[in-house]
Amino acid sequence: MKGLPPKTLPLRVAVQGDFAFVESLSSHAEKMILSPVETSLEISARVTQADVLVIDVSTNGEVGLQTIRQLTYERPVLALVAVGQALDAIRAGARGAIRRDSKPAAIAAAIESLHQGISVIDPSALTNVAANKPASGLVVSGEDVPTRSAENETLTKRENEVLVLMAEGLSNKEIAGKLTISEHTAKFHVNSILQKMNAQKRVEAVVRAAKQGLINL
C-alpha cells in the first residue's frame, strides 16, 4: 500500500495499557492497527508511525501524566483516566480524556475522533460533573451559557459564541467563517477567552468552564 494517501490506510494506534485492555479494545477497532507499548510510548509511536497514542493514566497517575508531558512525537494523545483526572491529562498535553472503564466501543470512537481533529472529553471524568453523562466530542450547547468566567470576568456575547465553536474543535479561520468576522478578530476573541479562563490551551479553557459548571458538555 506504499504511496497511498494516509486516509486509505488503517489507523495506527500505539496503546500503553495492560494486555487485557488492548485485547478488549481490538475487538471494537476494526479500522485500526493496535500496537501494545512494552517499553517507551515515544519509541513505540515512532517505530509504528502511530496516528494516535493511547495511555492509561488511571493506573499510574503522575507517571502517566509525566509521560504525556515528555512526548515529542506530535500526534494526538488519548488519556484513559479516573474521575477527576481529565483536566490534569489535558494540562499535560493530551488532546482527549475518557474514563478507563468506558466501553471499548466508546474508546475506539474517541480514538477516531482525535484522528479527525476533534477533542474528546468524558464529562464523567471531570470533578463535580454528573457521572451518568456519556462521553462527548466537546460539543457545547449555545443555550444558557453563563456570562461569567472562572476568574469572575465577564465574557461578552461574542466570546460566548466563540467559546462554543472552540469546543467544537474549530480553528480560528473556521470560527471566523462561522461568525463572519476576520481571522484576526477570531484570534483576538480566543486569546481573550484564554486569559479570562486562566488557561494556556483552548481545550483547557473549555474543560475548565465545564468543570466549574459554566457550560454544559
Protein backbone atom coordinates (compact mmCIF):
# COMPACT_ATOMS: atom_id res chain seq x y z
CA MET A 1 0.00 0.00 0.00
CA LYS A 2 3.03 2.23 -0.31
CA GLY A 3 2.19 5.59 -1.80
CA LEU A 4 -1.50 5.54 -0.90
CA PRO A 5 -2.98 8.62 0.79
CA PRO A 6 -2.96 8.31 4.62
CA LYS A 7 -6.76 8.29 4.79
CA THR A 8 -6.89 4.96 2.89
CA LEU A 9 -4.64 3.23 5.41
CA PRO A 10 -5.78 1.60 8.68
CA LEU A 11 -5.46 3.89 11.67
CA ARG A 12 -2.24 3.11 13.55
CA VAL A 13 -2.60 3.33 17.34
CA ALA A 14 0.12 2.91 19.98
CA VAL A 15 -1.53 1.74 23.22
CA GLN A 16 0.15 1.84 26.62
CA GLY A 17 -2.07 -0.31 28.82
CA ASP A 18 -2.40 -3.85 30.12
CA PHE A 19 -2.80 -6.75 27.71
CA ALA A 20 -6.42 -7.44 28.67
CA PHE A 21 -7.37 -3.87 27.80
CA VAL A 22 -5.62 -3.95 24.43
CA GLU A 23 -7.28 -7.26 23.63
CA SER A 24 -10.76 -5.98 24.52
CA LEU A 25 -10.22 -2.79 22.53
CA SER A 26 -9.02 -4.69 19.46
CA SER A 27 -12.42 -6.36 19.07
CA HIS A 28 -14.01 -2.93 18.57
CA ALA A 29 -11.30 -1.36 16.43
CA GLU A 30 -11.73 -3.00 13.05
CA LYS A 31 -10.26 0.01 11.21
CA MET A 32 -7.22 0.22 13.48
CA ILE A 33 -3.89 -1.47 13.90
CA LEU A 34 -3.20 -1.56 17.64
CA SER A 35 0.42 -1.71 18.80
CA PRO A 36 0.85 -2.53 22.52
CA VAL A 37 3.60 -0.47 24.16
CA GLU A 38 6.04 -2.62 26.12
CA THR A 39 8.70 -0.04 26.99
CA SER A 40 8.62 3.60 25.82
CA LEU A 41 5.47 5.17 24.38
CA GLU A 42 7.62 7.67 22.49
CA ILE A 43 9.75 4.96 20.87
CA SER A 44 6.81 2.69 20.08
CA ALA A 45 4.91 5.57 18.50
CA ARG A 46 7.84 6.45 16.25
CA VAL A 47 8.60 2.87 15.27
CA THR A 48 4.97 2.14 14.36
CA GLN A 49 4.37 5.66 12.95
CA ALA A 50 1.28 5.86 15.13
CA ASP A 51 -1.54 8.21 14.16
CA VAL A 52 -2.93 8.31 17.72
CA LEU A 53 -1.36 7.48 21.08
CA VAL A 54 -3.34 5.99 23.97
CA ILE A 55 -2.05 5.92 27.54
CA ASP A 56 -3.66 4.59 30.71
CA VAL A 57 -3.24 7.35 33.29
CA SER A 58 -5.78 5.89 35.72
CA THR A 59 -3.40 3.19 36.97
CA ASN A 60 -0.14 5.11 37.15
CA GLY A 61 -1.21 8.68 37.92
CA GLU A 62 1.66 11.16 37.85
CA VAL A 63 3.92 8.76 35.96
CA GLY A 64 1.43 8.67 33.10
CA LEU A 65 0.99 12.43 33.13
CA GLN A 66 4.75 12.91 33.05
CA THR A 67 4.97 10.56 30.07
CA ILE A 68 2.49 12.76 28.20
CA ARG A 69 4.41 15.93 29.12
CA GLN A 70 7.67 14.50 27.81
CA LEU A 71 6.33 13.31 24.45
CA THR A 72 7.87 14.97 21.42
CA TYR A 73 6.08 12.79 18.87
CA GLU A 74 3.45 15.16 17.50
CA ARG A 75 0.30 13.09 17.28
CA PRO A 76 -2.90 13.36 19.37
CA VAL A 77 -2.89 11.60 22.73
CA LEU A 78 -5.94 9.99 24.34
CA ALA A 79 -5.61 9.60 28.11
CA LEU A 80 -7.58 6.88 29.89
CA VAL A 81 -8.44 8.43 33.22
CA ALA A 82 -10.26 8.00 36.50
CA VAL A 83 -12.76 10.53 37.86
CA GLY A 84 -11.06 13.87 38.50
CA GLN A 85 -8.05 13.22 36.24
CA ALA A 86 -9.35 14.61 32.96
CA LEU A 87 -8.23 18.21 33.44
CA ASP A 88 -4.77 17.12 34.61
CA ALA A 89 -4.42 15.00 31.47
CA ILE A 90 -5.40 17.92 29.22
CA ARG A 91 -2.95 20.20 31.02
CA ALA A 92 -0.23 17.61 30.49
CA GLY A 93 -0.84 17.73 26.75
CA ALA A 94 -3.45 15.08 25.97
CA ARG A 95 -5.95 16.01 23.27
CA GLY A 96 -8.63 13.80 24.79
CA ALA A 97 -9.55 12.15 28.08
CA ILE A 98 -12.05 9.35 28.63
CA ARG A 99 -12.82 7.10 31.60
CA ARG A 100 -10.70 3.95 31.69
CA ASP A 101 -13.81 1.89 32.46
CA SER A 102 -15.67 3.16 29.39
CA LYS A 103 -16.91 0.57 26.93
CA PRO A 104 -14.30 -0.43 24.30
CA ALA A 105 -16.60 0.85 21.54
CA ALA A 106 -16.65 4.31 23.15
CA ILE A 107 -12.87 4.36 23.48
CA ALA A 108 -12.48 3.29 19.84
CA ALA A 109 -14.84 6.09 18.81
CA ALA A 110 -12.79 8.59 20.85
CA ILE A 111 -9.61 7.46 19.09
CA GLU A 112 -11.22 8.01 15.69
CA SER A 113 -12.47 11.44 16.76
CA LEU A 114 -8.98 12.53 17.84
CA HIS A 115 -7.61 11.43 14.50
CA GLN A 116 -10.24 13.61 12.80
CA GLY A 117 -9.12 16.61 14.85
CA ILE A 118 -11.98 16.53 17.37
CA SER A 119 -11.08 16.83 21.05
CA VAL A 120 -12.90 14.36 23.29
CA ILE A 121 -13.57 14.89 26.97
CA ASP A 122 -15.64 12.48 29.07
CA PRO A 123 -17.75 14.73 31.34
CA SER A 124 -17.96 11.98 33.98
CA ALA A 125 -14.18 12.17 34.40
CA LEU A 126 -14.39 15.80 35.49
CA THR A 127 -14.82 16.65 39.17
CA ASN A 128 -18.32 17.77 40.17
CA VAL A 129 -19.86 16.75 36.85
CA ALA A 130 -22.68 14.21 36.75
CA ALA A 131 -21.23 10.72 36.37
CA ASN A 132 -24.06 9.47 34.18
CA LYS A 133 -23.31 11.73 31.23
CA PRO A 134 -21.92 10.00 28.13
CA ALA A 135 -18.57 10.75 26.53
CA SER A 136 -18.71 13.84 24.36
CA GLY A 137 -16.77 15.32 21.46
CA LEU A 138 -16.71 18.65 23.26
CA VAL A 139 -19.84 19.86 21.50
CA VAL A 140 -21.22 22.57 23.76
CA SER A 141 -24.77 23.81 23.57
CA GLY A 142 -25.12 27.52 22.90
CA GLU A 143 -28.15 27.69 25.20
CA ASP A 144 -27.99 29.01 28.73
CA VAL A 145 -24.25 29.76 28.53
CA PRO A 146 -23.36 31.93 31.55
CA THR A 147 -21.53 35.19 31.04
CA ARG A 148 -19.08 34.76 33.91
CA SER A 149 -15.72 33.06 33.54
CA ALA A 150 -13.81 31.05 36.12
CA GLU A 151 -11.96 34.23 37.10
CA ASN A 152 -15.24 36.10 37.53
CA GLU A 153 -14.58 38.25 34.47
CA THR A 154 -17.47 38.90 32.13
CA LEU A 155 -17.46 37.07 28.83
CA THR A 156 -19.04 39.08 26.05
CA LYS A 157 -21.83 37.65 23.93
CA ARG A 158 -19.36 37.23 21.06
CA GLU A 159 -16.87 35.45 23.32
CA ASN A 160 -19.60 33.03 24.36
CA GLU A 161 -20.23 32.31 20.68
CA VAL A 162 -16.51 31.80 20.07
CA LEU A 163 -16.26 29.53 23.13
CA VAL A 164 -18.97 27.27 21.72
CA LEU A 165 -17.11 26.98 18.42
CA MET A 166 -13.80 26.39 20.21
CA ALA A 167 -15.45 23.48 21.99
CA GLU A 168 -16.44 22.03 18.62
CA GLY A 169 -12.75 21.96 17.70
CA LEU A 170 -12.89 24.71 15.07
CA SER A 171 -9.75 26.62 14.11
CA ASN A 172 -9.54 30.43 14.21
CA LYS A 173 -10.13 30.52 10.46
CA GLU A 174 -13.20 28.28 10.75
CA ILE A 175 -14.54 30.34 13.66
CA ALA A 176 -14.10 33.48 11.58
CA GLY A 177 -16.06 31.90 8.74
CA LYS A 178 -18.89 30.79 11.01
CA LEU A 179 -19.27 34.19 12.65
CA THR A 180 -18.48 36.26 9.54
CA ILE A 181 -15.56 38.04 11.17
CA SER A 182 -11.88 38.31 10.27
CA GLU A 183 -9.44 35.62 11.33
CA HIS A 184 -7.53 38.28 13.27
CA THR A 185 -10.68 39.16 15.23
CA ALA A 186 -11.38 35.50 15.93
CA LYS A 187 -7.85 35.09 17.27
CA PHE A 188 -8.33 38.14 19.48
CA HIS A 189 -11.51 36.66 20.99
CA VAL A 190 -9.84 33.28 21.56
CA ASN A 191 -6.90 34.90 23.35
CA SER A 192 -9.29 36.96 25.47
CA ILE A 193 -11.19 33.82 26.49
CA LEU A 194 -7.95 32.01 27.39
CA GLN A 195 -6.92 34.96 29.55
CA LYS A 196 -10.26 35.21 31.31
CA MET A 197 -10.37 31.45 31.88
CA ASN A 198 -6.74 31.47 33.09
CA ALA A 199 -5.97 28.72 30.56
CA GLN A 200 -2.97 28.13 28.34
CA LYS A 201 -4.73 25.91 25.80
CA ARG A 202 -8.07 26.07 24.02
CA VAL A 203 -9.17 22.65 25.23
CA GLU A 204 -8.18 23.55 28.79
CA ALA A 205 -10.39 26.64 28.65
CA VAL A 206 -13.40 24.57 27.61
CA VAL A 207 -12.71 21.86 30.18
CA ARG A 208 -12.20 24.45 32.91
CA ALA A 209 -15.54 26.07 32.05
CA ALA A 210 -17.30 22.71 32.13
CA LYS A 211 -15.66 21.67 35.37
CA GLN A 212 -16.95 24.78 37.10
CA GLY A 213 -20.43 24.40 35.68
CA LEU A 214 -20.16 27.40 33.37
CA ILE A 215 -21.10 25.44 30.24
CA ASN A 216 -22.80 22.14 29.53
CA LEU A 217 -20.95 19.42 27.65
